[in-house]
Amino acid sequence: MNVEDILKTDKEIPLKSRTLIHFLLVNNRVNEALNTALKPHGVSLQQFNVLRILRGQNEKPASLATLNERMVTKMSNTTRLVDKLLLKEYVERRVCPSNRRKVEIRITKEGLSILKKMDISMSEAEDRLLQNLSDQEMEQLNVLFNKFE
């Protein structure tokens, strides 16, 4: 992916700007591929993330604060995401019996079932996105990514 070719410019873009533009272009390509993989399942990338977090709870409930804290993409509308998953019956929401101010969210059997199918689609998308990188190159990228604050 050559930034100058994509932007259709003959001028060489300064290194820092080219690097950040590259990040944006790669981010767009990754989001597009992952959203395309999830589209047949009727779930957004953020909803998929919520379902994965809930599955990782191992049947323990999560609060909205827990979901917000663990989301890959931080957002303020986690309630809306959960509401959409409730309508699909992928999650259930209950008021905590011991603390009526706390809401507990769990993944349902239906949610676990559809998540298994989404995992396959996502794995295939990851394979396509990363097919030109060796394991060593991915390790190098992760080392570099860890330098960001």
N, C-alpha and C. Protein backbone atom coordinates (compact mmCIF):
# COMPACT_ATOMS: atom_id res chain seq x y z
N MET A 1 0.86 -1.17 0.00
CA MET A 1 0.00 0.00 0.00
C MET A 1 0.90 1.23 0.00
N ASN A 2 0.93 1.91 -1.11
CA ASN A 2 1.75 3.11 -1.23
C ASN A 2 0.85 4.34 -1.03
N VAL A 3 1.14 5.10 0.00
CA VAL A 3 0.30 6.25 0.38
C VAL A 3 0.21 7.26 -0.76
N GLU A 4 1.33 7.58 -1.37
CA GLU A 4 1.34 8.58 -2.45
C GLU A 4 0.46 8.11 -3.62
N ASP A 5 0.51 6.81 -3.95
CA ASP A 5 -0.32 6.28 -5.04
C ASP A 5 -1.81 6.38 -4.68
N ILE A 6 -2.14 6.02 -3.45
CA ILE A 6 -3.54 6.06 -3.03
C ILE A 6 -4.07 7.48 -3.04
N LEU A 7 -3.24 8.43 -2.60
CA LEU A 7 -3.65 9.84 -2.56
C LEU A 7 -3.47 10.53 -3.91
N LYS A 8 -2.92 9.80 -4.88
CA LYS A 8 -2.70 10.30 -6.24
C LYS A 8 -1.91 11.62 -6.24
N THR A 9 -0.76 11.56 -5.57
CA THR A 9 0.11 12.73 -5.54
C THR A 9 1.51 12.35 -6.00
N ASP A 10 2.17 13.28 -6.68
CA ASP A 10 3.55 13.05 -7.11
C ASP A 10 4.52 13.53 -6.05
N LYS A 11 4.02 14.34 -5.12
CA LYS A 11 4.87 14.87 -4.05
C LYS A 11 5.11 13.79 -3.01
N GLU A 12 6.33 13.76 -2.49
CA GLU A 12 6.62 12.83 -1.41
C GLU A 12 6.04 13.41 -0.13
N ILE A 13 5.27 12.63 0.55
CA ILE A 13 4.65 13.06 1.79
C ILE A 13 5.67 12.89 2.91
N PRO A 14 5.80 13.88 3.79
CA PRO A 14 6.76 13.77 4.90
C PRO A 14 6.52 12.49 5.71
N LEU A 15 7.60 11.93 6.23
CA LEU A 15 7.56 10.63 6.90
C LEU A 15 6.50 10.54 8.00
N LYS A 16 6.44 11.53 8.89
CA LYS A 16 5.47 11.46 9.98
C LYS A 16 4.04 11.47 9.44
N SER A 17 3.77 12.33 8.50
CA SER A 17 2.43 12.39 7.90
C SER A 17 2.12 11.10 7.16
N ARG A 18 3.06 10.58 6.39
CA ARG A 18 2.86 9.34 5.65
C ARG A 18 2.57 8.19 6.61
N THR A 19 3.29 8.17 7.72
CA THR A 19 3.09 7.10 8.71
C THR A 19 1.67 7.15 9.28
N LEU A 20 1.22 8.33 9.66
CA LEU A 20 -0.12 8.46 10.23
C LEU A 20 -1.20 8.18 9.20
N ILE A 21 -0.98 8.63 7.97
CA ILE A 21 -1.94 8.33 6.90
C ILE A 21 -2.01 6.83 6.67
N HIS A 22 -0.85 6.17 6.71
CA HIS A 22 -0.81 4.71 6.57
C HIS A 22 -1.66 4.05 7.65
N PHE A 23 -1.50 4.50 8.89
CA PHE A 23 -2.30 3.95 9.99
C PHE A 23 -3.79 4.11 9.69
N LEU A 24 -4.19 5.28 9.24
CA LEU A 24 -5.60 5.52 8.95
C LEU A 24 -6.10 4.62 7.82
N LEU A 25 -5.30 4.46 6.78
CA LEU A 25 -5.69 3.61 5.66
C LEU A 25 -5.79 2.15 6.08
N VAL A 26 -4.83 1.69 6.86
CA VAL A 26 -4.87 0.30 7.34
C VAL A 26 -6.07 0.11 8.27
N ASN A 27 -6.30 1.06 9.16
CA ASN A 27 -7.45 0.99 10.06
C ASN A 27 -8.75 0.88 9.26
N ASN A 28 -8.88 1.70 8.23
CA ASN A 28 -10.08 1.65 7.40
C ASN A 28 -10.24 0.29 6.73
N ARG A 29 -9.15 -0.25 6.21
CA ARG A 29 -9.22 -1.54 5.53
C ARG A 29 -9.60 -2.65 6.51
N VAL A 30 -9.01 -2.63 7.70
CA VAL A 30 -9.32 -3.64 8.71
C VAL A 30 -10.79 -3.54 9.13
N ASN A 31 -11.25 -2.33 9.44
CA ASN A 31 -12.65 -2.15 9.84
C ASN A 31 -13.61 -2.60 8.75
N GLU A 32 -13.30 -2.26 7.52
CA GLU A 32 -14.15 -2.65 6.39
C GLU A 32 -14.22 -4.18 6.27
N ALA A 33 -13.09 -4.85 6.37
CA ALA A 33 -13.05 -6.31 6.24
C ALA A 33 -13.80 -6.99 7.40
N LEU A 34 -13.60 -6.50 8.62
CA LEU A 34 -14.26 -7.11 9.77
C LEU A 34 -15.76 -6.86 9.76
N ASN A 35 -16.15 -5.64 9.40
CA ASN A 35 -17.59 -5.34 9.31
C ASN A 35 -18.25 -6.18 8.22
N THR A 36 -17.55 -6.40 7.11
CA THR A 36 -18.07 -7.24 6.04
C THR A 36 -18.25 -8.67 6.52
N ALA A 37 -17.31 -9.16 7.31
CA ALA A 37 -17.40 -10.52 7.85
C ALA A 37 -18.59 -10.68 8.79
N LEU A 38 -18.92 -9.62 9.52
CA LEU A 38 -20.01 -9.69 10.49
C LEU A 38 -21.38 -9.38 9.90
N LYS A 39 -21.40 -8.73 8.74
CA LYS A 39 -22.66 -8.29 8.15
C LYS A 39 -23.69 -9.43 7.98
N PRO A 40 -23.28 -10.62 7.50
CA PRO A 40 -24.29 -11.70 7.37
C PRO A 40 -24.91 -12.12 8.70
N HIS A 41 -24.25 -11.82 9.79
CA HIS A 41 -24.76 -12.18 11.11
C HIS A 41 -25.60 -11.06 11.73
N GLY A 42 -25.67 -9.91 11.05
CA GLY A 42 -26.49 -8.81 11.52
C GLY A 42 -25.98 -8.14 12.77
N VAL A 43 -24.65 -8.16 12.95
CA VAL A 43 -24.03 -7.62 14.16
C VAL A 43 -22.91 -6.66 13.76
N SER A 44 -22.79 -5.57 14.49
CA SER A 44 -21.70 -4.62 14.25
C SER A 44 -20.43 -5.10 14.96
N LEU A 45 -19.32 -4.51 14.62
CA LEU A 45 -18.05 -4.84 15.26
C LEU A 45 -18.11 -4.57 16.76
N GLN A 46 -18.77 -3.48 17.16
CA GLN A 46 -18.90 -3.15 18.58
C GLN A 46 -19.79 -4.17 19.30
N GLN A 47 -20.87 -4.60 18.65
CA GLN A 47 -21.74 -5.62 19.25
C GLN A 47 -20.99 -6.95 19.40
N PHE A 48 -20.20 -7.29 18.39
CA PHE A 48 -19.36 -8.49 18.45
C PHE A 48 -18.41 -8.41 19.64
N ASN A 49 -17.83 -7.24 19.83
CA ASN A 49 -16.91 -7.04 20.94
C ASN A 49 -17.62 -7.25 22.29
N VAL A 50 -18.84 -6.73 22.42
CA VAL A 50 -19.62 -6.92 23.65
C VAL A 50 -19.87 -8.41 23.89
N LEU A 51 -20.27 -9.12 22.85
CA LEU A 51 -20.53 -10.56 22.99
C LEU A 51 -19.28 -11.32 23.41
N ARG A 52 -18.14 -10.96 22.85
CA ARG A 52 -16.89 -11.64 23.23
C ARG A 52 -16.52 -11.36 24.68
N ILE A 53 -16.73 -10.13 25.10
CA ILE A 53 -16.46 -9.79 26.51
C ILE A 53 -17.34 -10.62 27.42
N LEU A 54 -18.63 -10.70 27.08
CA LEU A 54 -19.57 -11.46 27.91
C LEU A 54 -19.24 -12.94 27.92
N ARG A 55 -18.82 -13.48 26.79
CA ARG A 55 -18.40 -14.88 26.76
C ARG A 55 -17.19 -15.10 27.67
N GLY A 56 -16.28 -14.14 27.66
CA GLY A 56 -15.08 -14.21 28.50
C GLY A 56 -15.37 -14.12 29.99
N GLN A 57 -16.57 -13.72 30.34
CA GLN A 57 -16.96 -13.64 31.75
C GLN A 57 -17.25 -15.02 32.34
N ASN A 58 -17.30 -16.05 31.47
CA ASN A 58 -17.56 -17.42 31.93
C ASN A 58 -18.81 -17.54 32.79
N GLU A 59 -19.90 -17.06 32.22
CA GLU A 59 -21.24 -17.13 32.84
C GLU A 59 -21.43 -16.16 34.00
N LYS A 60 -20.41 -15.39 34.36
CA LYS A 60 -20.58 -14.36 35.39
C LYS A 60 -21.16 -13.12 34.70
N PRO A 61 -22.01 -12.40 35.38
CA PRO A 61 -22.58 -11.20 34.76
C PRO A 61 -21.54 -10.08 34.67
N ALA A 62 -21.79 -9.18 33.74
CA ALA A 62 -20.96 -7.99 33.60
C ALA A 62 -21.84 -6.76 33.75
N SER A 63 -21.26 -5.70 34.22
CA SER A 63 -21.98 -4.42 34.31
C SER A 63 -21.65 -3.61 33.06
N LEU A 64 -22.40 -2.53 32.85
CA LEU A 64 -22.08 -1.64 31.73
C LEU A 64 -20.68 -1.06 31.90
N ALA A 65 -20.29 -0.78 33.13
CA ALA A 65 -18.95 -0.23 33.39
C ALA A 65 -17.87 -1.24 32.97
N THR A 66 -18.10 -2.52 33.26
CA THR A 66 -17.15 -3.56 32.87
C THR A 66 -17.03 -3.62 31.35
N LEU A 67 -18.16 -3.58 30.67
CA LEU A 67 -18.15 -3.61 29.21
C LEU A 67 -17.40 -2.41 28.65
N ASN A 68 -17.72 -1.21 29.16
CA ASN A 68 -17.04 0.01 28.70
C ASN A 68 -15.54 -0.08 28.89
N GLU A 69 -15.15 -0.59 30.03
CA GLU A 69 -13.74 -0.68 30.38
C GLU A 69 -12.98 -1.63 29.45
N ARG A 70 -13.63 -2.70 29.02
CA ARG A 70 -12.97 -3.73 28.24
C ARG A 70 -13.17 -3.61 26.74
N MET A 71 -14.00 -2.66 26.31
CA MET A 71 -14.24 -2.49 24.87
C MET A 71 -12.96 -2.08 24.15
N VAL A 72 -12.74 -2.63 22.96
CA VAL A 72 -11.60 -2.25 22.14
C VAL A 72 -11.78 -0.80 21.68
N THR A 73 -12.99 -0.49 21.23
CA THR A 73 -13.33 0.87 20.82
C THR A 73 -14.13 1.49 21.95
N LYS A 74 -13.54 2.45 22.64
CA LYS A 74 -14.23 3.08 23.77
C LYS A 74 -15.37 3.94 23.24
N MET A 75 -16.53 3.77 23.84
CA MET A 75 -17.69 4.55 23.41
C MET A 75 -18.64 4.77 24.57
N SER A 76 -19.45 5.78 24.43
CA SER A 76 -20.37 6.11 25.51
C SER A 76 -21.74 5.46 25.34
N ASN A 77 -21.97 4.81 24.21
CA ASN A 77 -23.31 4.27 23.94
C ASN A 77 -23.38 2.75 24.12
N THR A 78 -22.71 2.24 25.13
CA THR A 78 -22.74 0.80 25.40
C THR A 78 -24.16 0.35 25.73
N THR A 79 -24.94 1.19 26.38
CA THR A 79 -26.33 0.86 26.69
C THR A 79 -27.10 0.56 25.40
N ARG A 80 -26.89 1.38 24.40
CA ARG A 80 -27.58 1.19 23.11
C ARG A 80 -27.14 -0.13 22.46
N LEU A 81 -25.83 -0.45 22.54
CA LEU A 81 -25.34 -1.72 21.99
C LEU A 81 -26.01 -2.90 22.69
N VAL A 82 -26.08 -2.83 24.00
CA VAL A 82 -26.71 -3.91 24.77
C VAL A 82 -28.19 -4.00 24.42
N ASP A 83 -28.86 -2.87 24.26
CA ASP A 83 -30.28 -2.87 23.88
C ASP A 83 -30.49 -3.60 22.55
N LYS A 84 -29.64 -3.36 21.59
CA LYS A 84 -29.75 -4.03 20.28
C LYS A 84 -29.52 -5.53 20.42
N LEU A 85 -28.57 -5.91 21.26
CA LEU A 85 -28.31 -7.34 21.48
C LEU A 85 -29.45 -8.00 22.25
N LEU A 86 -30.12 -7.25 23.12
CA LEU A 86 -31.30 -7.75 23.83
C LEU A 86 -32.42 -8.07 22.84
N LEU A 87 -32.64 -7.18 21.89
CA LEU A 87 -33.69 -7.39 20.88
C LEU A 87 -33.43 -8.65 20.07
N LYS A 88 -32.17 -8.99 19.86
CA LYS A 88 -31.80 -10.20 19.10
C LYS A 88 -31.76 -11.43 20.01
N GLU A 89 -31.98 -11.20 21.30
CA GLU A 89 -31.95 -12.26 22.31
C GLU A 89 -30.58 -12.91 22.45
N TYR A 90 -29.52 -12.12 22.21
CA TYR A 90 -28.14 -12.60 22.36
C TYR A 90 -27.62 -12.33 23.77
N VAL A 91 -28.28 -11.42 24.49
CA VAL A 91 -27.90 -11.12 25.87
C VAL A 91 -29.17 -10.98 26.71
N GLU A 92 -28.99 -11.07 28.02
CA GLU A 92 -30.09 -10.78 28.93
C GLU A 92 -29.59 -9.77 29.96
N ARG A 93 -30.52 -8.95 30.42
CA ARG A 93 -30.17 -7.91 31.39
C ARG A 93 -31.10 -8.05 32.58
N ARG A 94 -30.50 -8.03 33.76
CA ARG A 94 -31.28 -8.15 35.00
C ARG A 94 -30.78 -7.15 36.03
N VAL A 95 -31.69 -6.76 36.89
CA VAL A 95 -31.30 -5.92 38.03
C VAL A 95 -30.69 -6.85 39.06
N CYS A 96 -29.55 -6.45 39.62
CA CYS A 96 -28.85 -7.25 40.62
C CYS A 96 -29.73 -7.36 41.87
N PRO A 97 -29.97 -8.59 42.35
CA PRO A 97 -30.84 -8.75 43.53
C PRO A 97 -30.26 -8.11 44.79
N SER A 98 -28.94 -8.10 44.93
CA SER A 98 -28.34 -7.56 46.15
C SER A 98 -28.07 -6.05 46.08
N ASN A 99 -28.08 -5.49 44.86
CA ASN A 99 -27.86 -4.06 44.70
C ASN A 99 -28.73 -3.59 43.54
N ARG A 100 -29.91 -3.09 43.86
CA ARG A 100 -30.90 -2.75 42.84
C ARG A 100 -30.46 -1.63 41.89
N ARG A 101 -29.37 -0.93 42.22
CA ARG A 101 -28.86 0.10 41.31
C ARG A 101 -27.96 -0.48 40.23
N LYS A 102 -27.56 -1.73 40.40
CA LYS A 102 -26.63 -2.37 39.48
C LYS A 102 -27.38 -3.25 38.48
N VAL A 103 -26.99 -3.15 37.21
CA VAL A 103 -27.59 -3.97 36.16
C VAL A 103 -26.57 -5.02 35.75
N GLU A 104 -27.02 -6.27 35.68
CA GLU A 104 -26.15 -7.38 35.29
C GLU A 104 -26.50 -7.82 33.87
N ILE A 105 -25.48 -8.03 33.06
CA ILE A 105 -25.67 -8.43 31.66
C ILE A 105 -24.95 -9.75 31.44
N ARG A 106 -25.65 -10.69 30.82
CA ARG A 106 -25.08 -12.01 30.51
C ARG A 106 -25.36 -12.36 29.06
N ILE A 107 -24.48 -13.17 28.49
CA ILE A 107 -24.70 -13.70 27.15
C ILE A 107 -25.66 -14.89 27.26
N THR A 108 -26.56 -15.03 26.30
CA THR A 108 -27.51 -16.14 26.29
C THR A 108 -26.94 -17.31 25.48
N LYS A 109 -27.63 -18.45 25.54
CA LYS A 109 -27.23 -19.60 24.72
C LYS A 109 -27.27 -19.24 23.25
N GLU A 110 -28.29 -18.49 22.87
CA GLU A 110 -28.42 -18.03 21.48
C GLU A 110 -27.22 -17.14 21.11
N GLY A 111 -26.83 -16.28 22.03
CA GLY A 111 -25.67 -15.41 21.80
C GLY A 111 -24.39 -16.22 21.64
N LEU A 112 -24.21 -17.22 22.48
CA LEU A 112 -23.02 -18.08 22.37
C LEU A 112 -23.01 -18.83 21.05
N SER A 113 -24.17 -19.30 20.62
CA SER A 113 -24.28 -20.05 19.38
C SER A 113 -23.91 -19.19 18.17
N ILE A 114 -24.48 -17.98 18.10
CA ILE A 114 -24.18 -17.10 16.96
C ILE A 114 -22.74 -16.61 17.02
N LEU A 115 -22.20 -16.45 18.22
CA LEU A 115 -20.82 -16.00 18.38
C LEU A 115 -19.85 -17.04 17.81
N LYS A 116 -20.16 -18.32 17.96
CA LYS A 116 -19.31 -19.37 17.37
C LYS A 116 -19.25 -19.22 15.85
N LYS A 117 -20.38 -18.92 15.25
CA LYS A 117 -20.43 -18.72 13.79
C LYS A 117 -19.66 -17.47 13.39
N MET A 118 -19.80 -16.42 14.20
CA MET A 118 -19.07 -15.17 13.92
C MET A 118 -17.57 -15.39 14.06
N ASP A 119 -17.17 -16.22 15.02
CA ASP A 119 -15.74 -16.50 15.21
C ASP A 119 -15.13 -17.07 13.93
N ILE A 120 -15.86 -17.94 13.26
CA ILE A 120 -15.37 -18.53 12.01
C ILE A 120 -15.21 -17.45 10.94
N SER A 121 -16.22 -16.61 10.79
CA SER A 121 -16.17 -15.52 9.81
C SER A 121 -15.02 -14.56 10.11
N MET A 122 -14.85 -14.25 11.38
CA MET A 122 -13.80 -13.31 11.77
C MET A 122 -12.41 -13.93 11.55
N SER A 123 -12.27 -15.20 11.84
CA SER A 123 -10.99 -15.88 11.63
C SER A 123 -10.61 -15.87 10.15
N GLU A 124 -11.60 -16.11 9.29
CA GLU A 124 -11.35 -16.07 7.85
C GLU A 124 -10.94 -14.67 7.40
N ALA A 125 -11.60 -13.64 7.94
CA ALA A 125 -11.26 -12.26 7.60
C ALA A 125 -9.85 -11.92 8.08
N GLU A 126 -9.50 -12.35 9.29
CA GLU A 126 -8.14 -12.12 9.82
C GLU A 126 -7.10 -12.78 8.92
N ASP A 127 -7.39 -14.01 8.51
CA ASP A 127 -6.44 -14.72 7.62
C ASP A 127 -6.23 -13.95 6.32
N ARG A 128 -7.32 -13.44 5.73
CA ARG A 128 -7.21 -12.68 4.48
C ARG A 128 -6.42 -11.39 4.69
N LEU A 129 -6.73 -10.68 5.80
CA LEU A 129 -6.06 -9.41 6.06
C LEU A 129 -4.56 -9.58 6.30
N LEU A 130 -4.17 -10.67 6.93
CA LEU A 130 -2.79 -10.85 7.36
C LEU A 130 -2.01 -11.84 6.50
N GLN A 131 -2.58 -12.25 5.38
CA GLN A 131 -1.96 -13.28 4.56
C GLN A 131 -0.58 -12.92 4.03
N ASN A 132 -0.28 -11.64 3.90
CA ASN A 132 1.02 -11.23 3.37
C ASN A 132 2.07 -10.99 4.45
N LEU A 133 1.72 -11.27 5.70
CA LEU A 133 2.66 -11.07 6.80
C LEU A 133 3.04 -12.41 7.41
N SER A 134 4.33 -12.57 7.68
CA SER A 134 4.79 -13.77 8.37
C SER A 134 4.54 -13.60 9.87
N ASP A 135 4.65 -14.70 10.61
CA ASP A 135 4.51 -14.61 12.07
C ASP A 135 5.55 -13.66 12.64
N GLN A 136 6.76 -13.71 12.12
CA GLN A 136 7.83 -12.83 12.60
C GLN A 136 7.48 -11.36 12.33
N GLU A 137 6.94 -11.07 11.17
CA GLU A 137 6.55 -9.69 10.86
C GLU A 137 5.41 -9.22 11.76
N MET A 138 4.47 -10.11 12.06
CA MET A 138 3.39 -9.74 12.97
C MET A 138 3.94 -9.47 14.37
N GLU A 139 4.91 -10.28 14.80
CA GLU A 139 5.55 -10.05 16.10
C GLU A 139 6.23 -8.67 16.10
N GLN A 140 6.93 -8.35 15.02
CA GLN A 140 7.60 -7.05 14.92
C GLN A 140 6.58 -5.91 14.98
N LEU A 141 5.49 -6.06 14.26
CA LEU A 141 4.45 -5.03 14.28
C LEU A 141 3.92 -4.83 15.69
N ASN A 142 3.68 -5.92 16.39
CA ASN A 142 3.16 -5.80 17.76
C ASN A 142 4.16 -5.12 18.68
N VAL A 143 5.44 -5.38 18.50
CA VAL A 143 6.46 -4.69 19.30
C VAL A 143 6.39 -3.20 19.02
N LEU A 144 6.27 -2.83 17.74
CA LEU A 144 6.18 -1.42 17.38
C LEU A 144 4.89 -0.78 17.91
N PHE A 145 3.76 -1.50 17.78
CA PHE A 145 2.49 -0.97 18.27
C PHE A 145 2.55 -0.72 19.78
N ASN A 146 3.27 -1.55 20.49
CA ASN A 146 3.38 -1.38 21.94
C ASN A 146 4.11 -0.10 22.34
N LYS A 147 4.77 0.53 21.40
CA LYS A 147 5.48 1.78 21.70
C LYS A 147 4.53 2.98 21.70
N PHE A 148 3.31 2.79 21.21
CA PHE A 148 2.35 3.89 21.21
C PHE A 148 1.74 4.06 22.57
N GLU A 149 1.47 5.30 22.90
CA GLU A 149 0.84 5.60 24.20
C GLU A 149 -0.55 6.11 24.01
